[in-house]
Amino acid sequence: MPVVNIQMFEGRDEAKPAIAKAVTDAIAQHGNIDPQYVYVIFNDVSMDNWAISGEIFSETLKKSS
């Protein structure tokens, strides 16, 4: 039973069904696994809780504005 964890910025709920379907289909096809046994877990992360290049992402966005 594959379990896929996807972390992404919060606020992309509309994209989740398509992402879940694409990931499930890819694992089922390439892993020869029944899709009903593929689990996809989304972890929504606030930009205040994500860092890139040593800086909090929300602060990086403020600097570029």
PDB file of N, CA and C in Angstrom:
ATOM      1  N   MET A   1       0.837  -1.171   0.000  1.00  0.00           N
ATOM      2  CA  MET A   1       0.000   0.000   0.000  1.00  0.00           C
ATOM      3  C   MET A   1       0.884   1.237   0.000  1.00  0.00           C
ATOM      4  N   PRO A   2       1.069   1.886  -1.137  1.00  0.00           N
ATOM      5  CA  PRO A   2       1.842   3.119  -1.181  1.00  0.00           C
ATOM      6  C   PRO A   2       1.095   4.274  -0.518  1.00  0.00           C
ATOM      7  N   VAL A   3       1.836   5.078   0.220  1.00  0.00           N
ATOM      8  CA  VAL A   3       1.302   6.295   0.818  1.00  0.00           C
ATOM      9  C   VAL A   3       2.177   7.443   0.329  1.00  0.00           C
ATOM     10  N   VAL A   4       1.554   8.411  -0.309  1.00  0.00           N
ATOM     11  CA  VAL A   4       2.271   9.558  -0.853  1.00  0.00           C
ATOM     12  C   VAL A   4       1.898  10.779  -0.041  1.00  0.00           C
ATOM     13  N   ASN A   5       2.905  11.474   0.486  1.00  0.00           N
ATOM     14  CA  ASN A   5       2.682  12.721   1.226  1.00  0.00           C
ATOM     15  C   ASN A   5       3.086  13.881   0.326  1.00  0.00           C
ATOM     16  N   ILE A   6       2.177  14.810   0.137  1.00  0.00           N
ATOM     17  CA  ILE A   6       2.438  15.984  -0.677  1.00  0.00           C
ATOM     18  C   ILE A   6       2.300  17.211   0.198  1.00  0.00           C
ATOM     19  N   GLN A   7       3.378  17.967   0.290  1.00  0.00           N
ATOM     20  CA  GLN A   7       3.343  19.210   1.044  1.00  0.00           C
ATOM     21  C   GLN A   7       3.353  20.358   0.049  1.00  0.00           C
ATOM     22  N   MET A   8       2.429  21.277   0.231  1.00  0.00           N
ATOM     23  CA  MET A   8       2.370  22.450  -0.637  1.00  0.00           C
ATOM     24  C   MET A   8       1.712  23.589   0.128  1.00  0.00           C
ATOM     25  N   PHE A   9       1.874  24.787  -0.417  1.00  0.00           N
ATOM     26  CA  PHE A   9       1.277  25.941   0.231  1.00  0.00           C
ATOM     27  C   PHE A   9      -0.229  25.794   0.300  1.00  0.00           C
ATOM     28  N   GLU A  10      -0.799  26.251   1.401  1.00  0.00           N
ATOM     29  CA  GLU A  10      -2.249  26.192   1.563  1.00  0.00           C
ATOM     30  C   GLU A  10      -2.924  27.085   0.525  1.00  0.00           C
ATOM     31  N   GLY A  11      -4.198  26.786   0.263  1.00  0.00           N
ATOM     32  CA  GLY A  11      -4.962  27.601  -0.668  1.00  0.00           C
ATOM     33  C   GLY A  11      -5.044  27.042  -2.072  1.00  0.00           C
ATOM     34  N   ARG A  12      -4.617  25.814  -2.267  1.00  0.00           N
ATOM     35  CA  ARG A  12      -4.680  25.208  -3.601  1.00  0.00           C
ATOM     36  C   ARG A  12      -5.649  24.025  -3.622  1.00  0.00           C
ATOM     37  N   ASP A  13      -6.724  24.158  -2.871  1.00  0.00           N
ATOM     38  CA  ASP A  13      -7.690  23.061  -2.751  1.00  0.00           C
ATOM     39  C   ASP A  13      -8.275  22.627  -4.085  1.00  0.00           C
ATOM     40  N   GLU A  14      -8.444  23.571  -5.009  1.00  0.00           N
ATOM     41  CA  GLU A  14      -9.041  23.231  -6.294  1.00  0.00           C
ATOM     42  C   GLU A  14      -8.155  22.300  -7.120  1.00  0.00           C
ATOM     43  N   ALA A  15      -6.871  22.300  -6.861  1.00  0.00           N
ATOM     44  CA  ALA A  15      -5.932  21.464  -7.622  1.00  0.00           C
ATOM     45  C   ALA A  15      -5.790  20.055  -7.044  1.00  0.00           C
ATOM     46  N   LYS A  16      -6.192  19.863  -5.804  1.00  0.00           N
ATOM     47  CA  LYS A  16      -5.960  18.580  -5.131  1.00  0.00           C
ATOM     48  C   LYS A  16      -6.582  17.369  -5.824  1.00  0.00           C
ATOM     49  N   PRO A  17      -7.829  17.432  -6.285  1.00  0.00           N
ATOM     50  CA  PRO A  17      -8.384  16.243  -6.951  1.00  0.00           C
ATOM     51  C   PRO A  17      -7.569  15.803  -8.172  1.00  0.00           C
ATOM     52  N   ALA A  18      -7.147  16.766  -8.998  1.00  0.00           N
ATOM     53  CA  ALA A  18      -6.367  16.430 -10.193  1.00  0.00           C
ATOM     54  C   ALA A  18      -4.990  15.892  -9.829  1.00  0.00           C
ATOM     55  N   ILE A  19      -4.381  16.479  -8.817  1.00  0.00           N
ATOM     56  CA  ILE A  19      -3.067  16.000  -8.367  1.00  0.00           C
ATOM     57  C   ILE A  19      -3.186  14.591  -7.815  1.00  0.00           C
ATOM     58  N   ALA A  20      -4.188  14.361  -6.974  1.00  0.00           N
ATOM     59  CA  ALA A  20      -4.391  13.028  -6.393  1.00  0.00           C
ATOM     60  C   ALA A  20      -4.606  11.980  -7.478  1.00  0.00           C
ATOM     61  N   LYS A  21      -5.396  12.329  -8.494  1.00  0.00           N
ATOM     62  CA  LYS A  21      -5.669  11.391  -9.594  1.00  0.00           C
ATOM     63  C   LYS A  21      -4.403  11.090 -10.377  1.00  0.00           C
ATOM     64  N   ALA A  22      -3.640  12.125 -10.713  1.00  0.00           N
ATOM     65  CA  ALA A  22      -2.417  11.935 -11.504  1.00  0.00           C
ATOM     66  C   ALA A  22      -1.378  11.109 -10.750  1.00  0.00           C
ATOM     67  N   VAL A  23      -1.206  11.388  -9.470  1.00  0.00           N
ATOM     68  CA  VAL A  23      -0.242  10.639  -8.659  1.00  0.00           C
ATOM     69  C   VAL A  23      -0.685   9.189  -8.522  1.00  0.00           C
ATOM     70  N   THR A  24      -1.955   8.982  -8.237  1.00  0.00           N
ATOM     71  CA  THR A  24      -2.487   7.623  -8.103  1.00  0.00           C
ATOM     72  C   THR A  24      -2.321   6.845  -9.403  1.00  0.00           C
ATOM     73  N   ASP A  25      -2.678   7.462 -10.521  1.00  0.00           N
ATOM     74  CA  ASP A  25      -2.558   6.791 -11.811  1.00  0.00           C
ATOM     75  C   ASP A  25      -1.116   6.416 -12.127  1.00  0.00           C
ATOM     76  N   ALA A  26      -0.185   7.322 -11.839  1.00  0.00           N
ATOM     77  CA  ALA A  26       1.227   7.051 -12.121  1.00  0.00           C
ATOM     78  C   ALA A  26       1.752   5.888 -11.283  1.00  0.00           C
ATOM     79  N   ILE A  27       1.419   5.879 -10.013  1.00  0.00           N
ATOM     80  CA  ILE A  27       1.887   4.795  -9.141  1.00  0.00           C
ATOM     81  C   ILE A  27       1.240   3.476  -9.540  1.00  0.00           C
ATOM     82  N   ALA A  28      -0.039   3.517  -9.852  1.00  0.00           N
ATOM     83  CA  ALA A  28      -0.737   2.302 -10.267  1.00  0.00           C
ATOM     84  C   ALA A  28      -0.127   1.741 -11.553  1.00  0.00           C
ATOM     85  N   GLN A  29       0.133   2.613 -12.510  1.00  0.00           N
ATOM     86  CA  GLN A  29       0.671   2.172 -13.794  1.00  0.00           C
ATOM     87  C   GLN A  29       2.107   1.669 -13.667  1.00  0.00           C
ATOM     88  N   HIS A  30       2.964   2.462 -13.065  1.00  0.00           N
ATOM     89  CA  HIS A  30       4.384   2.127 -13.033  1.00  0.00           C
ATOM     90  C   HIS A  30       4.753   1.144 -11.935  1.00  0.00           C
ATOM     91  N   GLY A  31       3.909   1.061 -10.910  1.00  0.00           N
ATOM     92  CA  GLY A  31       4.181   0.135  -9.817  1.00  0.00           C
ATOM     93  C   GLY A  31       3.352  -1.125  -9.886  1.00  0.00           C
ATOM     94  N   ASN A  32       2.493  -1.201 -10.923  1.00  0.00           N
ATOM     95  CA  ASN A  32       1.601  -2.349 -11.079  1.00  0.00           C
ATOM     96  C   ASN A  32       0.815  -2.610  -9.792  1.00  0.00           C
ATOM     97  N   ILE A  33       0.185  -1.544  -9.300  1.00  0.00           N
ATOM     98  CA  ILE A  33      -0.556  -1.580  -8.043  1.00  0.00           C
ATOM     99  C   ILE A  33      -1.994  -1.170  -8.313  1.00  0.00           C
ATOM    100  N   ASP A  34      -2.923  -1.839  -7.680  1.00  0.00           N
ATOM    101  CA  ASP A  34      -4.340  -1.488  -7.807  1.00  0.00           C
ATOM    102  C   ASP A  34      -4.535  -0.083  -7.224  1.00  0.00           C
ATOM    103  N   PRO A  35      -5.136   0.847  -7.986  1.00  0.00           N
ATOM    104  CA  PRO A  35      -5.309   2.224  -7.512  1.00  0.00           C
ATOM    105  C   PRO A  35      -6.045   2.346  -6.181  1.00  0.00           C
ATOM    106  N   GLN A  36      -6.891   1.375  -5.857  1.00  0.00           N
ATOM    107  CA  GLN A  36      -7.624   1.481  -4.592  1.00  0.00           C
ATOM    108  C   GLN A  36      -6.714   1.386  -3.373  1.00  0.00           C
ATOM    109  N   TYR A  37      -5.483   0.953  -3.579  1.00  0.00           N
ATOM    110  CA  TYR A  37      -4.546   0.822  -2.466  1.00  0.00           C
ATOM    111  C   TYR A  37      -3.520   1.948  -2.402  1.00  0.00           C
ATOM    112  N   VAL A  38      -3.699   2.966  -3.234  1.00  0.00           N
ATOM    113  CA  VAL A  38      -2.788   4.110  -3.242  1.00  0.00           C
ATOM    114  C   VAL A  38      -3.417   5.231  -2.417  1.00  0.00           C
ATOM    115  N   TYR A  39      -2.700   5.688  -1.412  1.00  0.00           N
ATOM    116  CA  TYR A  39      -3.171   6.763  -0.540  1.00  0.00           C
ATOM    117  C   TYR A  39      -2.365   8.032  -0.813  1.00  0.00           C
ATOM    118  N   VAL A  40      -3.055   9.144  -0.920  1.00  0.00           N
ATOM    119  CA  VAL A  40      -2.407  10.442  -1.112  1.00  0.00           C
ATOM    120  C   VAL A  40      -2.835  11.337   0.042  1.00  0.00           C
ATOM    121  N   ILE A  41      -1.849  11.878   0.742  1.00  0.00           N
ATOM    122  CA  ILE A  41      -2.108  12.761   1.881  1.00  0.00           C
ATOM    123  C   ILE A  41      -1.555  14.143   1.553  1.00  0.00           C
ATOM    124  N   PHE A  42      -2.417  15.145   1.647  1.00  0.00           N
ATOM    125  CA  PHE A  42      -1.992  16.523   1.419  1.00  0.00           C
ATOM    126  C   PHE A  42      -1.742  17.207   2.756  1.00  0.00           C
ATOM    127  N   ASN A  43      -0.607  17.851   2.862  1.00  0.00           N
ATOM    128  CA  ASN A  43      -0.265  18.648   4.035  1.00  0.00           C
ATOM    129  C   ASN A  43      -0.172  20.103   3.577  1.00  0.00           C
ATOM    130  N   ASP A  44      -1.166  20.893   3.952  1.00  0.00           N
ATOM    131  CA  ASP A  44      -1.160  22.309   3.610  1.00  0.00           C
ATOM    132  C   ASP A  44      -0.246  23.044   4.576  1.00  0.00           C
ATOM    133  N   VAL A  45       0.667  23.819   4.014  1.00  0.00           N
ATOM    134  CA  VAL A  45       1.647  24.525   4.828  1.00  0.00           C
ATOM    135  C   VAL A  45       1.505  26.025   4.592  1.00  0.00           C
ATOM    136  N   SER A  46       1.437  26.765   5.668  1.00  0.00           N
ATOM    137  CA  SER A  46       1.406  28.216   5.584  1.00  0.00           C
ATOM    138  C   SER A  46       2.765  28.727   5.088  1.00  0.00           C
ATOM    139  N   MET A  47       2.746  29.815   4.342  1.00  0.00           N
ATOM    140  CA  MET A  47       4.004  30.407   3.875  1.00  0.00           C
ATOM    141  C   MET A  47       4.877  30.870   5.039  1.00  0.00           C
ATOM    142  N   ASP A  48       4.255  31.066   6.207  1.00  0.00           N
ATOM    143  CA  ASP A  48       5.012  31.440   7.401  1.00  0.00           C
ATOM    144  C   ASP A  48       5.756  30.247   7.997  1.00  0.00           C
ATOM    145  N   ASN A  49       5.428  29.044   7.548  1.00  0.00           N
ATOM    146  CA  ASN A  49       6.055  27.828   8.069  1.00  0.00           C
ATOM    147  C   ASN A  49       6.889  27.109   7.021  1.00  0.00           C
ATOM    148  N   TRP A  50       7.359  27.839   6.017  1.00  0.00           N
ATOM    149  CA  TRP A  50       8.139  27.256   4.928  1.00  0.00           C
ATOM    150  C   TRP A  50       9.309  28.186   4.678  1.00  0.00           C
ATOM    151  N   ALA A  51      10.495  27.640   4.597  1.00  0.00           N
ATOM    152  CA  ALA A  51      11.678  28.462   4.347  1.00  0.00           C
ATOM    153  C   ALA A  51      12.341  28.038   3.045  1.00  0.00           C
ATOM    154  N   ILE A  52      12.943  29.000   2.381  1.00  0.00           N
ATOM    155  CA  ILE A  52      13.723  28.745   1.177  1.00  0.00           C
ATOM    156  C   ILE A  52      14.983  29.593   1.254  1.00  0.00           C
ATOM    157  N   SER A  53      16.105  29.007   0.952  1.00  0.00           N
ATOM    158  CA  SER A  53      17.400  29.695   1.008  1.00  0.00           C
ATOM    159  C   SER A  53      17.636  30.353   2.359  1.00  0.00           C
ATOM    160  N   GLY A  54      17.176  29.702   3.418  1.00  0.00           N
ATOM    161  CA  GLY A  54      17.404  30.197   4.765  1.00  0.00           C
ATOM    162  C   GLY A  54      16.474  31.304   5.213  1.00  0.00           C
ATOM    163  N   GLU A  55      15.464  31.614   4.415  1.00  0.00           N
ATOM    164  CA  GLU A  55      14.521  32.673   4.775  1.00  0.00           C
ATOM    165  C   GLU A  55      13.088  32.145   4.719  1.00  0.00           C
ATOM    166  N   ILE A  56      12.267  32.656   5.631  1.00  0.00           N
ATOM    167  CA  ILE A  56      10.853  32.297   5.639  1.00  0.00           C
ATOM    168  C   ILE A  56      10.227  32.796   4.335  1.00  0.00           C
ATOM    169  N   PHE A  57       9.480  31.924   3.686  1.00  0.00           N
ATOM    170  CA  PHE A  57       8.964  32.218   2.351  1.00  0.00           C
ATOM    171  C   PHE A  57       8.108  33.477   2.318  1.00  0.00           C
ATOM    172  N   SER A  58       7.252  33.657   3.306  1.00  0.00           N
ATOM    173  CA  SER A  58       6.391  34.847   3.304  1.00  0.00           C
ATOM    174  C   SER A  58       7.220  36.127   3.375  1.00  0.00           C
ATOM    175  N   GLU A  59       8.349  36.086   4.058  1.00  0.00           N
ATOM    176  CA  GLU A  59       9.240  37.255   4.138  1.00  0.00           C
ATOM    177  C   GLU A  59       9.944  37.494   2.802  1.00  0.00           C
ATOM    178  N   THR A  60      10.285  36.416   2.110  1.00  0.00           N
ATOM    179  CA  THR A  60      10.905  36.527   0.795  1.00  0.00           C
ATOM    180  C   THR A  60       9.958  37.202  -0.184  1.00  0.00           C
ATOM    181  N   LEU A  61       8.675  36.849  -0.100  1.00  0.00           N
ATOM    182  CA  LEU A  61       7.686  37.470  -0.985  1.00  0.00           C
ATOM    183  C   LEU A  61       7.547  38.964  -0.708  1.00  0.00           C
ATOM    184  N   LYS A  62       7.595  39.346   0.574  1.00  0.00           N
ATOM    185  CA  LYS A  62       7.464  40.750   0.939  1.00  0.00           C
ATOM    186  C   LYS A  62       8.640  41.569   0.355  1.00  0.00           C
ATOM    187  N   LYS A  63       9.833  40.968   0.367  1.00  0.00           N
ATOM    188  CA  LYS A  63      11.024  41.670  -0.154  1.00  0.00           C
ATOM    189  C   LYS A  63      10.938  41.879  -1.664  1.00  0.00           C
ATOM    190  N   SER A  64      10.317  40.936  -2.364  1.00  0.00           N
ATOM    191  CA  SER A  64      10.262  41.020  -3.813  1.00  0.00           C
ATOM    192  C   SER A  64       9.123  41.911  -4.313  1.00  0.00           C
ATOM    193  N   SER A  65       8.254  42.346  -3.403  1.00  0.00           N
ATOM    194  CA  SER A  65       7.120  43.204  -3.798  1.00  0.00           C
ATOM    195  C   SER A  65       7.521  44.645  -3.912  1.00  0.00           C
TER     196      SER A  65
END
